[in-house]
Amino acid sequence: MMVLMLRPAEQAMVLSVDASRTAAIVQPSGNVPNRKRRMLAHCVNSADLPPHHIDFACFLSRLMHALAGAAAYVVTMARRVGIRTAARVKRAPTSHGFSPSLDDFHERHKERMTWIPSLYYKRRAHERLPRPRDWPWAREWQRKIHDKIAALEEANLHPECFIAPSAVIVAEPRKTVEVGRCSFVAANCFVHGRVKLGQYVSVNHGASLDGGPGGITVGDFTRIATGAKLFAWNHGTVPDRFVFEQASTSKGIVIGEDVWICANAGVVDGVTINDHAVIAMGAVVCHDVPAW
């Protein structure tokens, strides 16, 4: 009597073979679907089935299992690198005769991320905080933007931050711009002077942060909405001089953690906005705001 095991990793089936009579006894596992159990039972219960045929059936079963695992791995890796299925990429030509390619989809998604940088990040299961997606083409795109800014400006950019290509970052000597982990600066933003953004800070499209000599410090998890203006410097108001002749002052702006500055709000120099505060849409903040 010899015992053969089909697909032991999944406990598929145990075959007990009487070598003298070539009669097979099938003991299916409970994890195997009924249809498959009936099919294999029919194959191996034949009294005329030689043992080497059963060995060949074992080999085929293991081969099919290995091929299925390899196919699942290929599909998973394809999704990771952003490869789309042929049905999605090779769409039928539009009325204008345009049939988008994979590169067209990549360029279009770059434009989406420029205006909505949160698309660059993804929150995995059982993770509270997002991190960049596993898209090599998007990572390489951001790496080139970071390298260009770092070569031309006094900027310290975390590798996992997102900078839109249309954002303008002007960092003069001794006025460094720092962008923390998983923070982003969206399209058409202007960041100048000494500005320090913590981790997971969002600066949405059209916002302006002018740090001046005093600087702007933004705490972790703070959201700065579209069109918000933060100016950490001011003109003097001596009555006998023109405005352009006035001396400039810069006390700096400090924004705490988890602050929400709504769209088109303004923050003037010398203001401190403490943790968890909310600044209403269109408001102008001239005095310190307590923590909420």
Protein backbone atom coordinates (compact mmCIF):
# COMPACT_ATOMS: atom_id res chain seq x y z
CA MET A 1 0.00 0.00 0.00
CA MET A 2 1.39 3.43 -0.91
CA VAL A 3 -0.02 6.85 -0.03
CA LEU A 4 0.15 9.88 -2.33
CA MET A 5 -0.63 13.49 -1.38
CA LEU A 6 -2.22 15.90 -3.86
CA ARG A 7 -1.45 19.59 -3.17
CA PRO A 8 -0.38 19.16 0.46
CA ALA A 9 -0.25 22.94 1.07
CA GLU A 10 -4.01 23.13 0.72
CA GLN A 11 -4.77 19.61 2.02
CA ALA A 12 -6.49 18.87 -1.25
CA MET A 13 -6.77 15.09 -1.24
CA VAL A 14 -5.18 11.87 0.04
CA LEU A 15 -4.99 8.86 -2.24
CA SER A 16 -4.50 5.36 -0.87
CA VAL A 17 -3.46 2.99 -3.69
CA ASP A 18 -3.33 -0.80 -3.61
CA ALA A 19 -0.41 -1.53 -5.92
CA SER A 20 -1.49 -5.16 -6.49
CA ARG A 21 -4.99 -4.39 -7.79
CA THR A 22 -4.48 -0.79 -8.98
CA ALA A 23 -7.62 0.14 -7.07
CA ALA A 24 -7.66 3.68 -5.66
CA ILE A 25 -9.49 4.81 -2.54
CA VAL A 26 -10.21 8.54 -2.34
CA GLN A 27 -10.33 10.52 0.92
CA PRO A 28 -11.10 14.12 -0.06
CA SER A 29 -10.43 17.01 2.27
CA GLY A 30 -13.21 19.28 3.43
CA ASN A 31 -11.46 22.30 1.87
CA VAL A 32 -11.85 21.01 -1.69
CA PRO A 33 -14.98 22.13 -3.64
CA ASN A 34 -17.58 19.40 -4.16
CA ARG A 35 -17.33 19.58 -7.93
CA LYS A 36 -13.58 19.07 -7.82
CA ARG A 37 -13.87 16.21 -5.33
CA ARG A 38 -16.36 14.41 -7.57
CA MET A 39 -14.16 14.93 -10.63
CA LEU A 40 -10.99 13.61 -8.96
CA ALA A 41 -12.89 10.76 -7.33
CA HIS A 42 -14.20 9.68 -10.72
CA CYS A 43 -10.67 9.78 -12.16
CA VAL A 44 -8.93 7.77 -9.48
CA ASN A 45 -11.67 5.30 -8.57
CA SER A 46 -11.36 3.51 -11.88
CA ALA A 47 -10.18 -0.07 -11.31
CA ASP A 48 -8.06 0.09 -14.48
CA LEU A 49 -6.08 3.23 -13.51
CA PRO A 50 -2.35 2.38 -13.14
CA PRO A 51 -0.39 3.96 -10.29
CA HIS A 52 1.82 5.95 -12.65
CA HIS A 53 -1.29 7.67 -13.99
CA ILE A 54 -2.10 8.73 -10.47
CA ASP A 55 1.44 10.08 -10.13
CA PHE A 56 0.95 12.05 -13.32
CA ALA A 57 -2.33 13.43 -11.98
CA CYS A 58 -0.48 14.54 -8.85
CA PHE A 59 2.10 16.30 -11.00
CA LEU A 60 -0.55 18.07 -13.08
CA SER A 61 -2.39 19.21 -9.98
CA ARG A 62 0.76 20.69 -8.45
CA LEU A 63 1.70 22.32 -11.76
CA MET A 64 -1.72 23.96 -12.08
CA HIS A 65 -1.46 25.17 -8.49
CA ALA A 66 1.97 26.70 -9.18
CA LEU A 67 0.76 28.39 -12.38
CA ALA A 68 -2.26 29.85 -10.58
CA GLY A 69 0.01 31.28 -7.89
CA ALA A 70 2.35 32.75 -10.50
CA ALA A 71 -0.57 34.34 -12.34
CA ALA A 72 -1.86 35.90 -9.11
CA TYR A 73 1.61 37.28 -8.39
CA VAL A 74 1.87 38.81 -11.87
CA VAL A 75 -1.53 40.47 -11.51
CA THR A 76 -0.58 41.90 -8.11
CA MET A 77 2.71 43.31 -9.37
CA ALA A 78 1.02 44.76 -12.44
CA ARG A 79 -1.41 46.65 -10.23
CA ARG A 80 1.43 47.89 -8.06
CA VAL A 81 3.36 49.47 -10.93
CA GLY A 82 0.23 51.02 -12.35
CA ILE A 83 -0.10 48.83 -15.45
CA ARG A 84 -3.69 48.84 -16.60
CA THR A 85 -5.53 46.07 -18.36
CA ALA A 86 -5.63 46.04 -22.13
CA ALA A 87 -9.37 46.60 -22.08
CA ARG A 88 -8.90 49.86 -20.22
CA VAL A 89 -5.83 51.15 -22.07
CA LYS A 90 -6.84 50.21 -25.62
CA ARG A 91 -10.13 51.98 -25.66
CA ALA A 92 -12.01 52.51 -28.86
CA PRO A 93 -11.09 55.73 -30.67
CA THR A 94 -13.26 58.71 -29.79
CA SER A 95 -15.21 60.74 -32.31
CA HIS A 96 -11.99 62.71 -32.87
CA GLY A 97 -10.01 59.55 -33.59
CA PHE A 98 -7.92 59.66 -30.38
CA SER A 99 -7.04 56.35 -28.74
CA PRO A 100 -5.24 56.98 -25.40
CA SER A 101 -2.08 55.06 -24.58
CA LEU A 102 -0.64 54.12 -21.19
CA ASP A 103 1.58 57.22 -21.27
CA ASP A 104 -1.49 59.36 -21.93
CA PHE A 105 -3.14 57.96 -18.81
CA HIS A 106 0.02 58.63 -16.78
CA GLU A 107 0.22 62.24 -17.97
CA ARG A 108 -3.46 62.78 -17.28
CA HIS A 109 -3.13 61.38 -13.79
CA LYS A 110 -0.13 63.62 -13.14
CA GLU A 111 -2.34 66.58 -13.96
CA ARG A 112 -5.00 65.29 -11.56
CA MET A 113 -2.45 64.90 -8.77
CA THR A 114 -1.10 68.40 -9.45
CA TRP A 115 -4.45 69.88 -8.45
CA ILE A 116 -5.50 67.13 -6.01
CA PRO A 117 -2.24 65.91 -4.42
CA SER A 118 -4.09 63.60 -2.04
CA LEU A 119 -4.37 61.20 -5.02
CA TYR A 120 -0.61 60.67 -4.71
CA TYR A 121 -1.15 59.07 -1.30
CA LYS A 122 -3.05 56.03 -0.10
CA ARG A 123 -4.03 54.79 3.32
CA ARG A 124 -3.36 51.06 3.60
CA ALA A 125 -5.49 48.68 5.61
CA HIS A 126 -4.84 48.87 9.35
CA GLU A 127 -2.81 52.10 8.84
CA ARG A 128 -4.06 55.39 10.21
CA LEU A 129 -1.82 57.64 8.09
CA PRO A 130 -1.42 57.62 4.31
CA ARG A 131 1.83 57.19 2.42
CA PRO A 132 2.81 57.48 -1.25
CA ARG A 133 1.39 54.92 -3.63
CA ASP A 134 3.61 52.20 -5.09
CA TRP A 135 3.74 53.80 -8.52
CA PRO A 136 7.34 53.91 -9.80
CA TRP A 137 6.47 56.35 -12.60
CA ALA A 138 4.91 58.80 -10.09
CA ARG A 139 7.79 58.42 -7.61
CA GLU A 140 10.31 59.11 -10.39
CA TRP A 141 8.30 62.15 -11.53
CA GLN A 142 8.37 63.60 -8.01
CA ARG A 143 12.05 62.76 -7.54
CA LYS A 144 12.96 64.84 -10.59
CA ILE A 145 10.90 67.78 -9.31
CA HIS A 146 12.58 67.56 -5.90
CA ASP A 147 16.06 67.38 -7.42
CA LYS A 148 15.42 70.43 -9.60
CA ILE A 149 14.14 72.54 -6.71
CA ALA A 150 16.97 71.43 -4.40
CA ALA A 151 19.54 72.32 -7.06
CA LEU A 152 18.17 75.84 -7.59
CA GLU A 153 16.80 76.83 -4.17
CA GLU A 154 17.64 76.51 -0.47
CA ALA A 155 14.97 73.85 0.04
CA ASN A 156 14.83 70.77 2.25
CA LEU A 157 12.17 68.45 0.84
CA HIS A 158 11.28 65.10 2.38
CA PRO A 159 11.37 62.28 -0.22
CA GLU A 160 7.72 61.44 0.50
CA CYS A 161 6.37 64.97 0.15
CA PHE A 162 4.54 66.10 -3.00
CA ILE A 163 5.35 69.29 -4.90
CA ALA A 164 3.22 70.25 -7.89
CA PRO A 165 5.32 71.22 -10.93
CA SER A 166 3.45 74.53 -11.21
CA ALA A 167 4.09 75.47 -7.56
CA VAL A 168 6.66 78.25 -7.13
CA ILE A 169 9.14 77.79 -4.29
CA VAL A 170 11.61 80.65 -3.77
CA ALA A 171 14.09 79.92 -1.00
CA GLU A 172 16.81 82.53 -0.67
CA PRO A 173 20.06 81.99 1.27
CA ARG A 174 19.36 81.70 5.02
CA LYS A 175 15.64 81.52 4.24
CA THR A 176 15.19 77.79 3.81
CA VAL A 177 11.91 76.19 2.79
CA GLU A 178 11.28 72.86 4.54
CA VAL A 179 8.51 70.44 3.60
CA GLY A 180 7.95 67.47 5.92
CA ARG A 181 6.97 63.88 5.35
CA CYS A 182 3.78 63.30 3.32
CA SER A 183 3.04 67.04 3.14
CA PHE A 184 2.08 68.55 -0.19
CA VAL A 185 2.10 71.85 -2.06
CA ALA A 186 -0.51 71.90 -4.82
CA ALA A 187 -0.75 73.69 -8.16
CA ASN A 188 -0.14 77.43 -8.46
CA CYS A 189 1.00 77.85 -4.87
CA PHE A 190 3.63 80.42 -3.94
CA VAL A 191 6.04 79.66 -1.09
CA HIS A 192 8.74 82.24 -0.31
CA GLY A 193 11.06 83.04 2.55
CA ARG A 194 11.65 81.04 5.68
CA VAL A 195 8.80 78.51 5.67
CA LYS A 196 8.69 75.23 7.59
CA LEU A 197 5.87 72.76 6.97
CA GLY A 198 5.56 69.82 9.38
CA GLN A 199 4.36 66.33 8.57
CA TYR A 200 1.06 65.66 6.74
CA VAL A 201 0.48 69.35 6.02
CA SER A 202 -1.64 70.23 2.98
CA VAL A 203 -1.23 73.50 1.09
CA ASN A 204 -3.95 73.49 -1.53
CA HIS A 205 -3.90 75.16 -4.93
CA GLY A 206 -3.55 78.90 -5.15
CA ALA A 207 -2.35 79.44 -1.58
CA SER A 208 0.48 81.89 -0.79
CA LEU A 209 2.93 81.60 2.09
CA ASP A 210 5.40 84.48 2.28
CA GLY A 211 7.64 83.87 5.26
CA GLY A 212 9.93 86.91 5.08
CA PRO A 213 12.79 87.05 7.58
CA GLY A 214 10.50 86.12 10.52
CA GLY A 215 9.30 82.92 8.90
CA ILE A 216 6.17 80.79 8.91
CA THR A 217 6.02 77.59 10.96
CA VAL A 218 3.16 75.17 10.31
CA GLY A 219 2.52 72.26 12.67
CA ASP A 220 1.74 68.67 11.73
CA PHE A 221 -1.62 67.72 10.18
CA THR A 222 -2.61 71.33 9.43
CA ARG A 223 -4.79 72.02 6.37
CA ILE A 224 -4.41 75.25 4.40
CA ALA A 225 -7.22 75.58 1.88
CA THR A 226 -7.20 77.05 -1.60
CA GLY A 227 -6.56 80.77 -1.89
CA ALA A 228 -5.37 81.26 1.70
CA LYS A 229 -2.76 84.03 2.17
CA LEU A 230 -0.15 84.05 4.93
CA PHE A 231 2.22 87.05 5.05
CA ALA A 232 4.89 87.08 7.74
CA TRP A 233 6.05 90.62 7.03
CA ASN A 234 4.51 94.08 6.93
CA HIS A 235 5.13 97.65 5.78
CA GLY A 236 5.61 100.61 8.09
CA THR A 237 3.02 103.39 8.22
CA VAL A 238 5.03 106.55 8.73
CA PRO A 239 2.79 109.36 7.40
CA ASP A 240 5.46 111.43 5.63
CA ARG A 241 6.77 108.63 3.35
CA PHE A 242 5.47 106.74 0.37
CA VAL A 243 4.59 103.10 0.92
CA PHE A 244 7.56 101.84 -1.09
CA GLU A 245 9.84 103.91 1.15
CA GLN A 246 8.49 102.41 4.36
CA ALA A 247 10.66 100.06 6.39
CA SER A 248 9.53 96.43 6.44
CA THR A 249 9.05 94.43 9.62
CA SER A 250 8.79 90.67 10.10
CA LYS A 251 7.77 89.02 13.36
CA GLY A 252 6.76 85.66 11.91
CA ILE A 253 3.66 83.47 11.95
CA VAL A 254 3.25 80.33 14.06
CA ILE A 255 0.50 77.81 13.28
CA GLY A 256 -0.04 74.85 15.59
CA GLU A 257 -0.99 71.26 14.87
CA ASP A 258 -4.27 70.13 13.32
CA VAL A 259 -5.31 73.66 12.34
CA TRP A 260 -7.78 74.25 9.52
CA ILE A 261 -7.38 77.50 7.59
CA CYS A 262 -10.33 77.68 5.23
CA ALA A 263 -10.42 79.01 1.67
CA ASN A 264 -9.39 82.62 0.99
CA ALA A 265 -8.56 83.32 4.63
CA GLY A 266 -5.74 85.75 5.44
CA VAL A 267 -3.19 85.67 8.26
CA VAL A 268 -1.05 88.74 8.98
CA ASP A 269 2.41 88.99 10.49
CA GLY A 270 2.93 88.36 14.19
CA VAL A 271 -0.05 86.02 14.66
CA THR A 272 -0.01 82.68 16.50
CA ILE A 273 -2.81 80.20 15.73
CA ASN A 274 -2.81 77.45 18.34
CA ASP A 275 -3.64 73.75 18.00
CA HIS A 276 -6.95 72.55 16.52
CA ALA A 277 -8.21 76.06 15.72
CA VAL A 278 -10.45 76.65 12.70
CA ILE A 279 -10.21 79.85 10.64
CA ALA A 280 -13.39 80.60 8.71
CA MET A 281 -13.54 81.10 4.96
CA GLY A 282 -12.54 84.63 3.99
CA ALA A 283 -11.56 85.62 7.53
CA VAL A 284 -8.59 87.93 8.20
CA VAL A 285 -6.66 86.93 11.32
CA CYS A 286 -4.99 89.92 13.02
CA HIS A 287 -4.72 88.56 16.58
CA ASP A 288 -3.66 85.30 18.22
CA VAL A 289 -6.17 82.44 18.16
CA PRO A 290 -6.37 80.15 21.22
CA ALA A 291 -6.35 76.38 21.04
CA TRP A 292 -9.71 74.71 20.58
